[in-house]
Amino acid sequence: MAAQRAAVARYRRGCGLLAAEIVETGEEGQGLIGLRLREALSLCRRHGATLLMADLSAFGEDAAFLHHLSAELRRLDLRFAAADRPEASEVTLGIMAALAEIEDRWGVSRSPEMLARRHAFYARITAEGRALPAAGKGAAAAAATVRPRASSAGCGRAANGLGASGLAVSAQRSRRRAEEVAPILSEIRAAGALTLEQVANALNALGVPSARGDRWYPMQVTRVEKRLAAEDHAMRPAPPAFAHSLHA
């Protein structure tokens, strides 16, 4: 407890007053927003304060907790910070939750290089969000994250030489990958990415492999998003049909 208080004090230097201290015992378990954390959220809403967590690393791989906290912060329109993870914010929590969930399913091994790139990406979009006023934040933050377009030479390695069975396997793999990355795409868009290039750059910075296991390019992003949109449209129930007659 003393170490966490010291971490909070170091983080808060020059950042304003501490409205209240709420101690979460963890008795309700990870993966849920406990009563004490809900109390802290309520206090932040009342005082217009930022929710500052002393030890986010303890929940860093808990996808359910990160998802619920991100949803509550969005619902209440609150900012978030972590004393032990300065790169984290209300902008990054949803992405962190989606990555934790999908990587647990994939059994991904995170290299130090991947984690360093990921943390740098989080730090960049957090800094951009902090530097902007609330109004117009999304578009301006997205514009600030544009990077030079990566060369797409060779990314059109299509189905030359593949038979019908090979094409079917490739299509199935692409469809499965599209469904798996859908939550990450949604969170990247929610974080402010507006263009296909920004989404592709974000996926690459986060270390998310494409269906072929290599880098993402804008064209791949648009194919995935079109596939997801088509599947979403196909799953919607058809509107009810009405029959009526007119009489003069």
Protein backbone atom coordinates (compact mmCIF):
# COMPACT_ATOMS: atom_id res chain seq x y z
CA MET A 1 0.00 0.00 0.00
CA ALA A 2 2.82 2.42 0.87
CA ALA A 3 4.53 1.73 -2.46
CA GLN A 4 1.30 2.43 -4.37
CA ARG A 5 0.75 5.68 -2.48
CA ALA A 6 4.31 6.72 -3.31
CA ALA A 7 3.74 5.90 -7.00
CA VAL A 8 0.56 7.99 -7.02
CA ALA A 9 2.37 10.88 -5.32
CA ARG A 10 5.17 10.79 -7.93
CA TYR A 11 2.66 10.73 -10.77
CA ARG A 12 0.64 13.62 -9.31
CA ARG A 13 3.51 16.08 -9.00
CA GLY A 14 2.33 19.22 -10.73
CA CYS A 15 -0.94 17.55 -11.77
CA GLY A 16 -3.35 19.05 -9.24
CA LEU A 17 -5.05 17.96 -6.05
CA LEU A 18 -6.16 14.50 -5.00
CA ALA A 19 -9.95 14.55 -4.64
CA ALA A 20 -10.16 11.28 -2.70
CA GLU A 21 -8.41 7.97 -2.09
CA ILE A 22 -10.41 4.79 -2.66
CA VAL A 23 -8.85 1.45 -1.69
CA GLU A 24 -10.02 -1.56 -3.71
CA THR A 25 -9.55 -4.76 -1.72
CA GLY A 26 -10.11 -7.10 -4.66
CA GLU A 27 -12.57 -9.22 -2.71
CA GLU A 28 -15.05 -9.09 -5.60
CA GLY A 29 -12.44 -10.52 -7.95
CA GLN A 30 -10.86 -9.32 -11.15
CA GLY A 31 -12.93 -9.06 -14.28
CA LEU A 32 -15.66 -7.02 -12.54
CA ILE A 33 -16.06 -3.38 -11.63
CA GLY A 34 -16.23 -3.62 -7.84
CA LEU A 35 -18.23 -1.40 -5.54
CA ARG A 36 -15.21 0.63 -4.46
CA LEU A 37 -14.17 1.28 -8.04
CA ARG A 38 -17.72 2.32 -8.88
CA GLU A 39 -17.52 4.72 -5.95
CA ALA A 40 -14.30 6.16 -7.37
CA LEU A 41 -15.92 6.58 -10.78
CA SER A 42 -18.87 8.36 -9.20
CA LEU A 43 -16.54 10.73 -7.33
CA CYS A 44 -14.63 11.49 -10.54
CA ARG A 45 -17.88 12.31 -12.32
CA ARG A 46 -18.98 14.55 -9.48
CA HIS A 47 -15.70 16.47 -9.26
CA GLY A 48 -14.71 16.38 -12.94
CA ALA A 49 -11.60 14.47 -11.90
CA THR A 50 -9.38 11.91 -13.63
CA LEU A 51 -9.52 8.34 -12.34
CA LEU A 52 -5.92 7.55 -11.31
CA MET A 53 -5.15 3.89 -10.67
CA ALA A 54 -2.01 3.05 -8.72
CA ASP A 55 -1.40 -0.43 -10.17
CA LEU A 56 -2.91 -1.18 -13.57
CA SER A 57 -0.32 -3.89 -14.27
CA ALA A 58 -2.15 -6.23 -11.90
CA PHE A 59 -5.08 -6.15 -14.34
CA GLY A 60 -3.06 -5.82 -17.54
CA GLU A 61 -4.07 -9.23 -18.92
CA ASP A 62 -7.61 -9.24 -17.52
CA ALA A 63 -9.62 -8.57 -20.67
CA ALA A 64 -12.98 -8.53 -18.87
CA PHE A 65 -11.84 -5.95 -16.32
CA LEU A 66 -10.26 -3.70 -18.96
CA HIS A 67 -13.34 -3.94 -21.17
CA HIS A 68 -15.76 -3.07 -18.36
CA LEU A 69 -13.59 -0.20 -17.11
CA SER A 70 -13.25 1.20 -20.64
CA ALA A 71 -17.02 1.02 -21.14
CA GLU A 72 -17.70 2.81 -17.84
CA LEU A 73 -15.20 5.56 -18.61
CA ARG A 74 -16.85 6.14 -21.99
CA ARG A 75 -20.33 6.10 -20.52
CA LEU A 76 -19.37 8.66 -17.88
CA ASP A 77 -17.05 10.64 -20.20
CA LEU A 78 -14.12 10.42 -17.79
CA ARG A 79 -10.38 10.46 -18.20
CA PHE A 80 -8.12 7.70 -16.89
CA ALA A 81 -4.47 7.41 -15.88
CA ALA A 82 -2.28 4.78 -14.23
CA ALA A 83 0.68 5.59 -12.01
CA ASP A 84 2.57 2.46 -13.09
CA ARG A 85 1.57 2.66 -16.79
CA PRO A 86 1.88 6.30 -17.90
CA GLU A 87 1.19 5.29 -21.51
CA ALA A 88 -2.30 4.05 -20.59
CA SER A 89 -5.41 6.21 -20.77
CA GLU A 90 -9.14 6.06 -21.44
CA VAL A 91 -8.17 6.01 -25.14
CA THR A 92 -6.03 2.88 -24.86
CA LEU A 93 -7.99 0.71 -22.41
CA GLY A 94 -10.42 -0.63 -25.03
CA ILE A 95 -7.54 -1.58 -27.35
CA MET A 96 -5.70 -3.22 -24.45
CA ALA A 97 -8.82 -5.25 -23.59
CA ALA A 98 -9.34 -6.42 -27.19
CA LEU A 99 -5.67 -7.41 -27.51
CA ALA A 100 -5.65 -9.29 -24.21
CA GLU A 101 -8.70 -11.29 -25.28
CA ILE A 102 -7.49 -12.17 -28.75
CA GLU A 103 -3.90 -12.94 -27.72
CA ASP A 104 -5.11 -15.27 -25.00
CA ARG A 105 -7.01 -17.16 -27.73
CA TRP A 106 -4.06 -17.14 -30.14
CA GLY A 107 -1.45 -18.00 -27.53
CA VAL A 108 0.76 -15.13 -28.67
CA SER A 109 4.29 -14.80 -27.30
CA ARG A 110 4.99 -11.11 -26.69
CA SER A 111 8.60 -10.20 -27.44
CA PRO A 112 10.27 -7.23 -25.69
CA GLU A 113 10.43 -5.47 -29.08
CA MET A 114 6.68 -5.94 -29.62
CA LEU A 115 5.86 -4.63 -26.15
CA ALA A 116 8.13 -1.61 -26.65
CA ARG A 117 6.40 -0.72 -29.94
CA ARG A 118 3.00 -1.24 -28.35
CA HIS A 119 3.80 0.96 -25.35
CA ALA A 120 5.16 3.66 -27.67
CA PHE A 121 1.91 3.56 -29.65
CA TYR A 122 -0.16 3.85 -26.47
CA ALA A 123 2.00 6.73 -25.25
CA ARG A 124 1.62 8.57 -28.56
CA ILE A 125 -2.16 8.41 -28.78
CA THR A 126 -2.47 9.21 -25.06
CA ALA A 127 -0.26 12.30 -25.45
CA GLU A 128 -2.22 13.40 -28.52
CA GLY A 129 -5.49 13.02 -26.64
CA ARG A 130 -4.18 14.96 -23.63
CA ALA A 131 -2.97 17.81 -25.84
CA LEU A 132 -6.37 18.39 -27.43
CA PRO A 133 -9.59 19.91 -26.11
CA ALA A 134 -12.57 17.61 -25.78
CA ALA A 135 -14.40 19.21 -28.72
CA GLY A 136 -13.17 17.95 -32.06
CA LYS A 137 -10.78 15.59 -30.32
CA GLY A 138 -11.42 12.55 -32.46
CA ALA A 139 -10.69 14.02 -35.86
CA ALA A 140 -7.67 16.01 -34.73
CA ALA A 141 -6.14 13.07 -32.86
CA ALA A 142 -6.59 10.84 -35.85
CA ALA A 143 -4.99 13.37 -38.17
CA ALA A 144 -1.98 13.62 -35.87
CA THR A 145 -1.29 9.89 -36.09
CA VAL A 146 -0.82 9.74 -39.86
CA ARG A 147 2.44 8.08 -40.86
CA PRO A 148 4.10 7.77 -44.28
CA ARG A 149 2.37 5.17 -46.39
CA ALA A 150 4.17 1.85 -46.37
CA SER A 151 4.99 0.43 -49.76
CA SER A 152 2.42 -2.14 -50.78
CA ALA A 153 4.65 -3.80 -53.36
CA GLY A 154 4.18 -7.51 -53.11
CA CYS A 155 1.07 -7.27 -50.96
CA GLY A 156 -1.04 -8.39 -53.86
CA ARG A 157 0.27 -11.95 -53.71
CA ALA A 158 -2.96 -13.42 -54.85
CA ALA A 159 -4.05 -16.84 -55.67
CA ASN A 160 -1.76 -17.56 -58.60
CA GLY A 161 -1.20 -21.28 -58.75
CA LEU A 162 -3.86 -22.10 -56.15
CA GLY A 163 -6.58 -24.55 -57.01
CA ALA A 164 -10.19 -24.32 -55.92
CA SER A 165 -9.44 -26.03 -52.60
CA GLY A 166 -6.55 -23.65 -51.93
CA LEU A 167 -8.75 -20.65 -52.64
CA ALA A 168 -11.42 -21.98 -50.30
CA VAL A 169 -8.89 -22.49 -47.49
CA SER A 170 -7.48 -18.98 -48.03
CA ALA A 171 -10.97 -17.45 -47.99
CA GLN A 172 -11.87 -19.32 -44.82
CA ARG A 173 -8.68 -18.20 -43.11
CA SER A 174 -9.31 -14.58 -44.13
CA ARG A 175 -12.90 -14.73 -42.89
CA ARG A 176 -11.83 -16.18 -39.55
CA ARG A 177 -9.11 -13.56 -39.11
CA ALA A 178 -11.57 -10.77 -39.97
CA GLU A 179 -13.94 -11.97 -37.25
CA GLU A 180 -11.07 -12.25 -34.75
CA VAL A 181 -9.67 -8.77 -35.33
CA ALA A 182 -13.08 -7.08 -35.48
CA PRO A 183 -12.99 -5.95 -31.80
CA ILE A 184 -9.50 -4.48 -32.25
CA LEU A 185 -10.56 -2.63 -35.41
CA SER A 186 -13.58 -1.24 -33.56
CA GLU A 187 -11.42 0.01 -30.68
CA ILE A 188 -8.84 1.55 -33.01
CA ARG A 189 -11.63 3.42 -34.78
CA ALA A 190 -13.06 4.49 -31.42
CA ALA A 191 -9.61 5.81 -30.44
CA GLY A 192 -9.78 8.27 -33.34
CA ALA A 193 -8.40 6.54 -36.44
CA LEU A 194 -10.30 7.80 -39.46
CA THR A 195 -8.37 6.55 -42.47
CA LEU A 196 -7.46 3.04 -43.64
CA GLU A 197 -3.79 3.99 -43.42
CA GLN A 198 -4.13 5.01 -39.77
CA VAL A 199 -5.85 1.71 -38.93
CA ALA A 200 -3.14 -0.31 -40.75
CA ASN A 201 -0.38 1.64 -38.97
CA ALA A 202 -2.07 1.03 -35.61
CA LEU A 203 -2.40 -2.72 -36.23
CA ASN A 204 1.28 -2.92 -37.19
CA ALA A 205 2.37 -0.89 -34.16
CA LEU A 206 0.34 -3.18 -31.90
CA GLY A 207 1.93 -6.29 -33.43
CA VAL A 208 -1.32 -7.77 -34.76
CA PRO A 209 -0.46 -10.05 -37.73
CA SER A 210 -2.58 -10.06 -40.86
CA ALA A 211 -4.21 -13.23 -42.19
CA ARG A 212 -0.95 -14.03 -43.99
CA GLY A 213 1.06 -13.41 -40.85
CA ASP A 214 2.74 -10.24 -42.11
CA ARG A 215 2.14 -6.48 -42.09
CA TRP A 216 -1.19 -4.76 -42.63
CA TYR A 217 -1.75 -2.44 -45.58
CA PRO A 218 -4.70 -0.08 -46.19
CA MET A 219 -6.14 -2.39 -48.87
CA GLN A 220 -6.21 -5.31 -46.41
CA VAL A 221 -8.03 -3.16 -43.86
CA THR A 222 -10.71 -2.15 -46.35
CA ARG A 223 -11.24 -5.78 -47.39
CA VAL A 224 -11.66 -6.86 -43.77
CA GLU A 225 -14.03 -4.01 -42.93
CA LYS A 226 -16.11 -4.65 -46.05
CA ARG A 227 -16.32 -8.34 -45.18
CA LEU A 228 -17.43 -7.55 -41.63
CA ALA A 229 -19.98 -5.02 -42.88
CA ALA A 230 -21.39 -7.54 -45.37
CA GLU A 231 -21.66 -10.26 -42.71
CA ASP A 232 -23.32 -7.83 -40.29
CA HIS A 233 -25.84 -6.86 -42.98
CA ALA A 234 -26.55 -10.50 -43.81
CA MET A 235 -27.25 -11.30 -40.14
CA ARG A 236 -29.79 -8.52 -39.70
CA PRO A 237 -33.39 -9.72 -39.76
CA ALA A 238 -35.36 -8.75 -42.81
CA PRO A 239 -37.91 -5.97 -42.22
CA PRO A 240 -41.49 -7.20 -41.89
CA ALA A 241 -43.54 -7.25 -45.08
CA PHE A 242 -46.91 -5.54 -45.09
CA ALA A 243 -49.78 -6.13 -47.47
CA HIS A 244 -52.64 -3.71 -47.79
CA SER A 245 -55.33 -2.81 -50.24
CA LEU A 246 -56.66 0.57 -51.22
CA HIS A 247 -60.33 1.25 -51.90
CA ALA A 248 -61.66 4.20 -53.80
